[in-house]
Amino acid sequence: MKLVYLTNSKIPSERANALQVMKMCDAFANYADLTLLFPFRFQVNDRMKLIKDVYSYYNCTNEFNMVKIFSLDLHPISLNPTLDKIAYYIQAFSFSLLALIRSLFLEKDVYYTRDSIPAFLLTFSRFLHRKKVYFEVHGIPRGLEGLFFKYSIINVDGVITISNNLQEEINFLYNNKNIITEHDGVDTKLFHKDIK
């Protein structure tokens, strides 16, 4: 199976979402020919700037295709919360649109994402790619992003939630039956001591 994973996470990053994406991709690579599409984002963390091998940094056992996609990252020059939100949408849409276009030239059987805006564009443009889209959900966003989320939840081929409560809430709000819960896991190889 050929899997294309779109994430708007900055990689590498000090944030947990980048770790989760890389560990998911590492696991997927055991079963699929995986391509990860992720955005160009300005790196402001000095420690992250020093990382040369992201596979080693995230303790990945598999190497998979990683393609960095241009995005219009305005966060370094934003000045207040309102501008931060506008900068976020500009960055997320520029990445998602260009990642979608790039993905059309990749061999794939399935799309996978954990982000609302890529999920929206993938489902909205299904007539272009005619592939299944799966959406991993970590929470229900509000506001404008909530509208993209709602469209995506209704139109994706499957939803994966990280908790039973989240699955129940999505079922209640959107009556989506193509949903399963897969709790976030842990890489036990990172722990050297037996935990009893």
C-alpha atoms as a PDB file:
ATOM      1  CA  MET A   1       0.000   0.000   0.000  1.00  0.00           C
ATOM      2  CA  LYS A   2       1.178   3.523  -0.805  1.00  0.00           C
ATOM      3  CA  LEU A   3       0.281   6.037   1.897  1.00  0.00           C
ATOM      4  CA  VAL A   4       0.622   9.828   1.765  1.00  0.00           C
ATOM      5  CA  TYR A   5       0.565  11.540   5.166  1.00  0.00           C
ATOM      6  CA  LEU A   6       0.005  15.316   5.207  1.00  0.00           C
ATOM      7  CA  THR A   7       0.858  17.170   8.388  1.00  0.00           C
ATOM      8  CA  ASN A   8       1.120  20.858   9.136  1.00  0.00           C
ATOM      9  CA  SER A   9       3.471  20.094  12.051  1.00  0.00           C
ATOM     10  CA  LYS A  10       6.895  21.724  12.089  1.00  0.00           C
ATOM     11  CA  ILE A  11       9.547  18.996  11.878  1.00  0.00           C
ATOM     12  CA  PRO A  12      11.758  18.853  13.828  1.00  0.00           C
ATOM     13  CA  SER A  13      10.060  20.612  16.689  1.00  0.00           C
ATOM     14  CA  GLU A  14      10.093  20.733  20.468  1.00  0.00           C
ATOM     15  CA  ARG A  15       6.327  20.150  20.407  1.00  0.00           C
ATOM     16  CA  ALA A  16       4.624  16.825  21.038  1.00  0.00           C
ATOM     17  CA  ASN A  17       2.674  16.832  17.765  1.00  0.00           C
ATOM     18  CA  ALA A  18       5.875  16.447  15.737  1.00  0.00           C
ATOM     19  CA  LEU A  19       6.944  13.504  17.888  1.00  0.00           C
ATOM     20  CA  GLN A  20       3.541  11.881  17.447  1.00  0.00           C
ATOM     21  CA  VAL A  21       3.625  12.368  13.662  1.00  0.00           C
ATOM     22  CA  MET A  22       7.116  10.906  13.329  1.00  0.00           C
ATOM     23  CA  LYS A  23       6.306   7.901  15.526  1.00  0.00           C
ATOM     24  CA  MET A  24       3.093   7.253  13.568  1.00  0.00           C
ATOM     25  CA  CYS A  25       5.023   7.442  10.297  1.00  0.00           C
ATOM     26  CA  ASP A  26       7.664   5.088  11.696  1.00  0.00           C
ATOM     27  CA  ALA A  27       4.928   2.575  12.532  1.00  0.00           C
ATOM     28  CA  PHE A  28       3.112   3.044   9.204  1.00  0.00           C
ATOM     29  CA  ALA A  29       6.387   2.440   7.355  1.00  0.00           C
ATOM     30  CA  ASN A  30       6.344  -1.146   8.644  1.00  0.00           C
ATOM     31  CA  TYR A  31       3.266  -1.804   6.507  1.00  0.00           C
ATOM     32  CA  ALA A  32       3.177   0.812   3.753  1.00  0.00           C
ATOM     33  CA  ASP A  33       5.296   2.738   1.292  1.00  0.00           C
ATOM     34  CA  LEU A  34       4.979   6.052   3.104  1.00  0.00           C
ATOM     35  CA  THR A  35       5.537   9.636   1.987  1.00  0.00           C
ATOM     36  CA  LEU A  36       5.293  12.362   4.616  1.00  0.00           C
ATOM     37  CA  LEU A  37       4.491  15.855   3.336  1.00  0.00           C
ATOM     38  CA  PHE A  38       5.296  18.551   5.902  1.00  0.00           C
ATOM     39  CA  PRO A  39       5.679  22.341   5.691  1.00  0.00           C
ATOM     40  CA  PHE A  40       8.579  24.688   5.504  1.00  0.00           C
ATOM     41  CA  ARG A  41       8.361  26.641   8.753  1.00  0.00           C
ATOM     42  CA  PHE A  42      10.870  29.083  10.202  1.00  0.00           C
ATOM     43  CA  GLN A  43      12.876  27.379  12.917  1.00  0.00           C
ATOM     44  CA  VAL A  44      13.200  29.712  15.896  1.00  0.00           C
ATOM     45  CA  ASN A  45      14.369  27.159  18.454  1.00  0.00           C
ATOM     46  CA  ASP A  46      18.187  27.099  18.520  1.00  0.00           C
ATOM     47  CA  ARG A  47      18.282  23.477  19.709  1.00  0.00           C
ATOM     48  CA  MET A  48      16.073  22.341  16.834  1.00  0.00           C
ATOM     49  CA  LYS A  49      18.308  24.160  14.347  1.00  0.00           C
ATOM     50  CA  LEU A  50      21.152  21.808  15.288  1.00  0.00           C
ATOM     51  CA  ILE A  51      19.270  18.623  14.360  1.00  0.00           C
ATOM     52  CA  LYS A  52      20.575  17.144  11.120  1.00  0.00           C
ATOM     53  CA  ASP A  53      19.037  13.653  11.198  1.00  0.00           C
ATOM     54  CA  VAL A  54      15.361  13.703  12.172  1.00  0.00           C
ATOM     55  CA  TYR A  55      15.088   9.905  11.984  1.00  0.00           C
ATOM     56  CA  SER A  56      17.706   9.573  14.746  1.00  0.00           C
ATOM     57  CA  TYR A  57      16.305  12.462  16.747  1.00  0.00           C
ATOM     58  CA  TYR A  58      12.896  10.770  16.886  1.00  0.00           C
ATOM     59  CA  ASN A  59      14.365   7.253  17.328  1.00  0.00           C
ATOM     60  CA  CYS A  60      12.731   5.989  14.130  1.00  0.00           C
ATOM     61  CA  THR A  61      13.553   2.424  13.150  1.00  0.00           C
ATOM     62  CA  ASN A  62      12.406   2.987   9.559  1.00  0.00           C
ATOM     63  CA  GLU A  63      13.311   5.630   7.031  1.00  0.00           C
ATOM     64  CA  PHE A  64      10.480   6.882   4.861  1.00  0.00           C
ATOM     65  CA  ASN A  65      10.097   9.562   2.220  1.00  0.00           C
ATOM     66  CA  MET A  66       9.932  13.057   3.685  1.00  0.00           C
ATOM     67  CA  VAL A  67       9.059  15.961   1.397  1.00  0.00           C
ATOM     68  CA  LYS A  68       9.205  19.532   2.709  1.00  0.00           C
ATOM     69  CA  ILE A  69       6.538  21.716   1.095  1.00  0.00           C
ATOM     70  CA  PHE A  70       6.721  25.497   0.869  1.00  0.00           C
ATOM     71  CA  SER A  71       4.354  27.415   3.110  1.00  0.00           C
ATOM     72  CA  LEU A  72       4.025  31.132   3.653  1.00  0.00           C
ATOM     73  CA  ASP A  73       5.157  31.239   7.286  1.00  0.00           C
ATOM     74  CA  LEU A  74       4.452  34.698   8.724  1.00  0.00           C
ATOM     75  CA  HIS A  75       4.658  33.725  12.390  1.00  0.00           C
ATOM     76  CA  PRO A  76       8.081  35.316  13.024  1.00  0.00           C
ATOM     77  CA  ILE A  77       6.706  38.749  12.089  1.00  0.00           C
ATOM     78  CA  SER A  78       3.232  38.536  13.663  1.00  0.00           C
ATOM     79  CA  LEU A  79       2.681  40.944  16.535  1.00  0.00           C
ATOM     80  CA  ASN A  80      -0.529  40.107  18.372  1.00  0.00           C
ATOM     81  CA  PRO A  81      -3.069  37.271  18.810  1.00  0.00           C
ATOM     82  CA  THR A  82      -5.300  38.438  15.945  1.00  0.00           C
ATOM     83  CA  LEU A  83      -2.356  38.632  13.564  1.00  0.00           C
ATOM     84  CA  ASP A  84      -1.122  35.271  14.882  1.00  0.00           C
ATOM     85  CA  LYS A  85      -4.436  33.675  13.897  1.00  0.00           C
ATOM     86  CA  ILE A  86      -4.356  35.259  10.424  1.00  0.00           C
ATOM     87  CA  ALA A  87      -0.724  34.147  10.022  1.00  0.00           C
ATOM     88  CA  TYR A  88      -1.725  30.617  11.040  1.00  0.00           C
ATOM     89  CA  TYR A  89      -4.465  30.397   8.392  1.00  0.00           C
ATOM     90  CA  ILE A  90      -2.196  31.806   5.678  1.00  0.00           C
ATOM     91  CA  GLN A  91       0.514  29.309   6.572  1.00  0.00           C
ATOM     92  CA  ALA A  92      -1.866  26.338   6.930  1.00  0.00           C
ATOM     93  CA  PHE A  93      -3.717  27.026   3.667  1.00  0.00           C
ATOM     94  CA  SER A  94      -0.566  27.690   1.657  1.00  0.00           C
ATOM     95  CA  PHE A  95       0.960  24.440   2.897  1.00  0.00           C
ATOM     96  CA  SER A  96      -2.220  22.393   2.471  1.00  0.00           C
ATOM     97  CA  LEU A  97      -2.899  23.610  -1.062  1.00  0.00           C
ATOM     98  CA  LEU A  98       0.689  23.107  -2.257  1.00  0.00           C
ATOM     99  CA  ALA A  99       0.902  19.716  -0.503  1.00  0.00           C
ATOM    100  CA  LEU A 100      -2.303  18.629  -2.231  1.00  0.00           C
ATOM    101  CA  ILE A 101      -0.925  19.696  -5.614  1.00  0.00           C
ATOM    102  CA  ARG A 102       2.382  17.917  -4.935  1.00  0.00           C
ATOM    103  CA  SER A 103       0.562  14.774  -3.810  1.00  0.00           C
ATOM    104  CA  LEU A 104      -1.304  14.543  -7.119  1.00  0.00           C
ATOM    105  CA  PHE A 105       2.026  13.576  -8.710  1.00  0.00           C
ATOM    106  CA  LEU A 106       2.741  10.827  -6.167  1.00  0.00           C
ATOM    107  CA  GLU A 107       1.624   7.229  -6.429  1.00  0.00           C
ATOM    108  CA  LYS A 108      -0.778   6.633  -3.569  1.00  0.00           C
ATOM    109  CA  ASP A 109      -3.643   4.484  -2.392  1.00  0.00           C
ATOM    110  CA  VAL A 110      -4.619   6.388   0.742  1.00  0.00           C
ATOM    111  CA  TYR A 111      -4.323   9.857   2.291  1.00  0.00           C
ATOM    112  CA  TYR A 112      -3.905  10.336   6.035  1.00  0.00           C
ATOM    113  CA  THR A 113      -3.823  13.526   8.092  1.00  0.00           C
ATOM    114  CA  ARG A 114      -4.312  14.802  11.623  1.00  0.00           C
ATOM    115  CA  ASP A 115      -5.009  18.418  10.604  1.00  0.00           C
ATOM    116  CA  SER A 116      -8.380  20.001   9.778  1.00  0.00           C
ATOM    117  CA  ILE A 117      -7.327  22.168   6.837  1.00  0.00           C
ATOM    118  CA  PRO A 118      -5.524  19.409   4.883  1.00  0.00           C
ATOM    119  CA  ALA A 119      -8.466  17.102   5.647  1.00  0.00           C
ATOM    120  CA  PHE A 120     -10.862  19.712   4.269  1.00  0.00           C
ATOM    121  CA  LEU A 121      -8.883  20.211   1.051  1.00  0.00           C
ATOM    122  CA  LEU A 122      -8.400  16.462   0.552  1.00  0.00           C
ATOM    123  CA  THR A 123     -12.111  15.741   0.887  1.00  0.00           C
ATOM    124  CA  PHE A 124     -13.203  18.810  -1.074  1.00  0.00           C
ATOM    125  CA  SER A 125     -10.895  17.899  -3.979  1.00  0.00           C
ATOM    126  CA  ARG A 126     -11.660  14.183  -4.048  1.00  0.00           C
ATOM    127  CA  PHE A 127     -12.746  14.512  -7.697  1.00  0.00           C
ATOM    128  CA  LEU A 128      -9.068  15.207  -8.514  1.00  0.00           C
ATOM    129  CA  HIS A 129      -7.422  12.299  -6.717  1.00  0.00           C
ATOM    130  CA  ARG A 130     -10.255   9.766  -6.124  1.00  0.00           C
ATOM    131  CA  LYS A 131      -8.475   8.244  -3.109  1.00  0.00           C
ATOM    132  CA  LYS A 132      -9.622   7.405   0.396  1.00  0.00           C
ATOM    133  CA  VAL A 133      -8.973   9.997   3.100  1.00  0.00           C
ATOM    134  CA  TYR A 134      -8.521   9.166   6.789  1.00  0.00           C
ATOM    135  CA  PHE A 135      -8.557  11.813   9.495  1.00  0.00           C
ATOM    136  CA  GLU A 136      -6.911  11.335  12.898  1.00  0.00           C
ATOM    137  CA  VAL A 137      -8.662  13.578  15.404  1.00  0.00           C
ATOM    138  CA  HIS A 138      -7.104  14.870  18.628  1.00  0.00           C
ATOM    139  CA  GLY A 139      -9.782  17.430  19.497  1.00  0.00           C
ATOM    140  CA  ILE A 140     -12.681  19.398  18.047  1.00  0.00           C
ATOM    141  CA  PRO A 141     -11.616  22.900  16.955  1.00  0.00           C
ATOM    142  CA  ARG A 142     -13.880  25.925  17.214  1.00  0.00           C
ATOM    143  CA  GLY A 143     -14.346  28.997  15.043  1.00  0.00           C
ATOM    144  CA  LEU A 144     -13.407  29.009  11.369  1.00  0.00           C
ATOM    145  CA  GLU A 145     -11.309  25.874  11.688  1.00  0.00           C
ATOM    146  CA  GLY A 146     -14.330  24.182  13.224  1.00  0.00           C
ATOM    147  CA  LEU A 147     -16.204  24.666   9.927  1.00  0.00           C
ATOM    148  CA  PHE A 148     -13.403  22.939   7.986  1.00  0.00           C
ATOM    149  CA  PHE A 149     -13.385  20.215  10.625  1.00  0.00           C
ATOM    150  CA  LYS A 150     -17.140  19.643  10.323  1.00  0.00           C
ATOM    151  CA  TYR A 151     -16.983  19.345   6.526  1.00  0.00           C
ATOM    152  CA  SER A 152     -14.059  16.931   6.816  1.00  0.00           C
ATOM    153  CA  ILE A 153     -15.640  14.731   9.490  1.00  0.00           C
ATOM    154  CA  ILE A 154     -18.758  14.308   7.377  1.00  0.00           C
ATOM    155  CA  ASN A 155     -16.870  13.567   4.141  1.00  0.00           C
ATOM    156  CA  VAL A 156     -13.779  11.514   5.053  1.00  0.00           C
ATOM    157  CA  ASP A 157     -13.702   7.755   4.603  1.00  0.00           C
ATOM    158  CA  GLY A 158     -12.744   7.120   8.190  1.00  0.00           C
ATOM    159  CA  VAL A 159     -12.048   8.912  11.466  1.00  0.00           C
ATOM    160  CA  ILE A 160      -9.537   7.810  14.071  1.00  0.00           C
ATOM    161  CA  THR A 161      -9.896   9.394  17.507  1.00  0.00           C
ATOM    162  CA  ILE A 162      -7.432   9.167  20.372  1.00  0.00           C
ATOM    163  CA  SER A 163     -10.023   8.707  23.144  1.00  0.00           C
ATOM    164  CA  ASN A 164     -13.398   7.079  23.681  1.00  0.00           C
ATOM    165  CA  ASN A 165     -14.887  10.377  24.892  1.00  0.00           C
ATOM    166  CA  LEU A 166     -13.813  12.111  21.693  1.00  0.00           C
ATOM    167  CA  GLN A 167     -15.355   9.338  19.607  1.00  0.00           C
ATOM    168  CA  GLU A 168     -18.634   9.664  21.520  1.00  0.00           C
ATOM    169  CA  GLU A 169     -18.653  13.453  21.099  1.00  0.00           C
ATOM    170  CA  ILE A 170     -18.073  13.211  17.336  1.00  0.00           C
ATOM    171  CA  ASN A 171     -20.796  10.564  17.022  1.00  0.00           C
ATOM    172  CA  PHE A 172     -23.170  12.803  18.975  1.00  0.00           C
ATOM    173  CA  LEU A 173     -22.365  15.998  17.028  1.00  0.00           C
ATOM    174  CA  TYR A 174     -21.927  14.625  13.518  1.00  0.00           C
ATOM    175  CA  ASN A 175     -23.454  11.129  13.561  1.00  0.00           C
ATOM    176  CA  ASN A 176     -20.339   9.676  11.918  1.00  0.00           C
ATOM    177  CA  LYS A 177     -20.284   5.884  12.089  1.00  0.00           C
ATOM    178  CA  ASN A 178     -16.974   5.392  10.219  1.00  0.00           C
ATOM    179  CA  ILE A 179     -15.004   6.056  13.377  1.00  0.00           C
ATOM    180  CA  ILE A 180     -12.684   4.089  15.637  1.00  0.00           C
ATOM    181  CA  THR A 181     -10.629   4.921  18.690  1.00  0.00           C
ATOM    182  CA  GLU A 182      -6.919   4.168  18.791  1.00  0.00           C
ATOM    183  CA  HIS A 183      -5.333   5.556  21.935  1.00  0.00           C
ATOM    184  CA  ASP A 184      -1.973   7.274  21.627  1.00  0.00           C
ATOM    185  CA  GLY A 185       0.782   4.812  22.394  1.00  0.00           C
ATOM    186  CA  VAL A 186       4.261   4.857  23.832  1.00  0.00           C
ATOM    187  CA  ASP A 187       7.566   3.670  22.431  1.00  0.00           C
ATOM    188  CA  THR A 188       8.663   1.288  25.200  1.00  0.00           C
ATOM    189  CA  LYS A 189      12.180   1.126  23.741  1.00  0.00           C
ATOM    190  CA  LEU A 190      12.749   4.606  25.172  1.00  0.00           C
ATOM    191  CA  PHE A 191      12.534   3.222  28.715  1.00  0.00           C
ATOM    192  CA  HIS A 192      15.437   1.165  30.008  1.00  0.00           C
ATOM    193  CA  LYS A 193      14.026   0.178  33.380  1.00  0.00           C
ATOM    194  CA  ASP A 194      11.258  -2.290  34.055  1.00  0.00           C
ATOM    195  CA  ILE A 195       8.163  -0.514  35.288  1.00  0.00           C
ATOM    196  CA  LYS A 196       6.082  -2.570  37.718  1.00  0.00           C
END
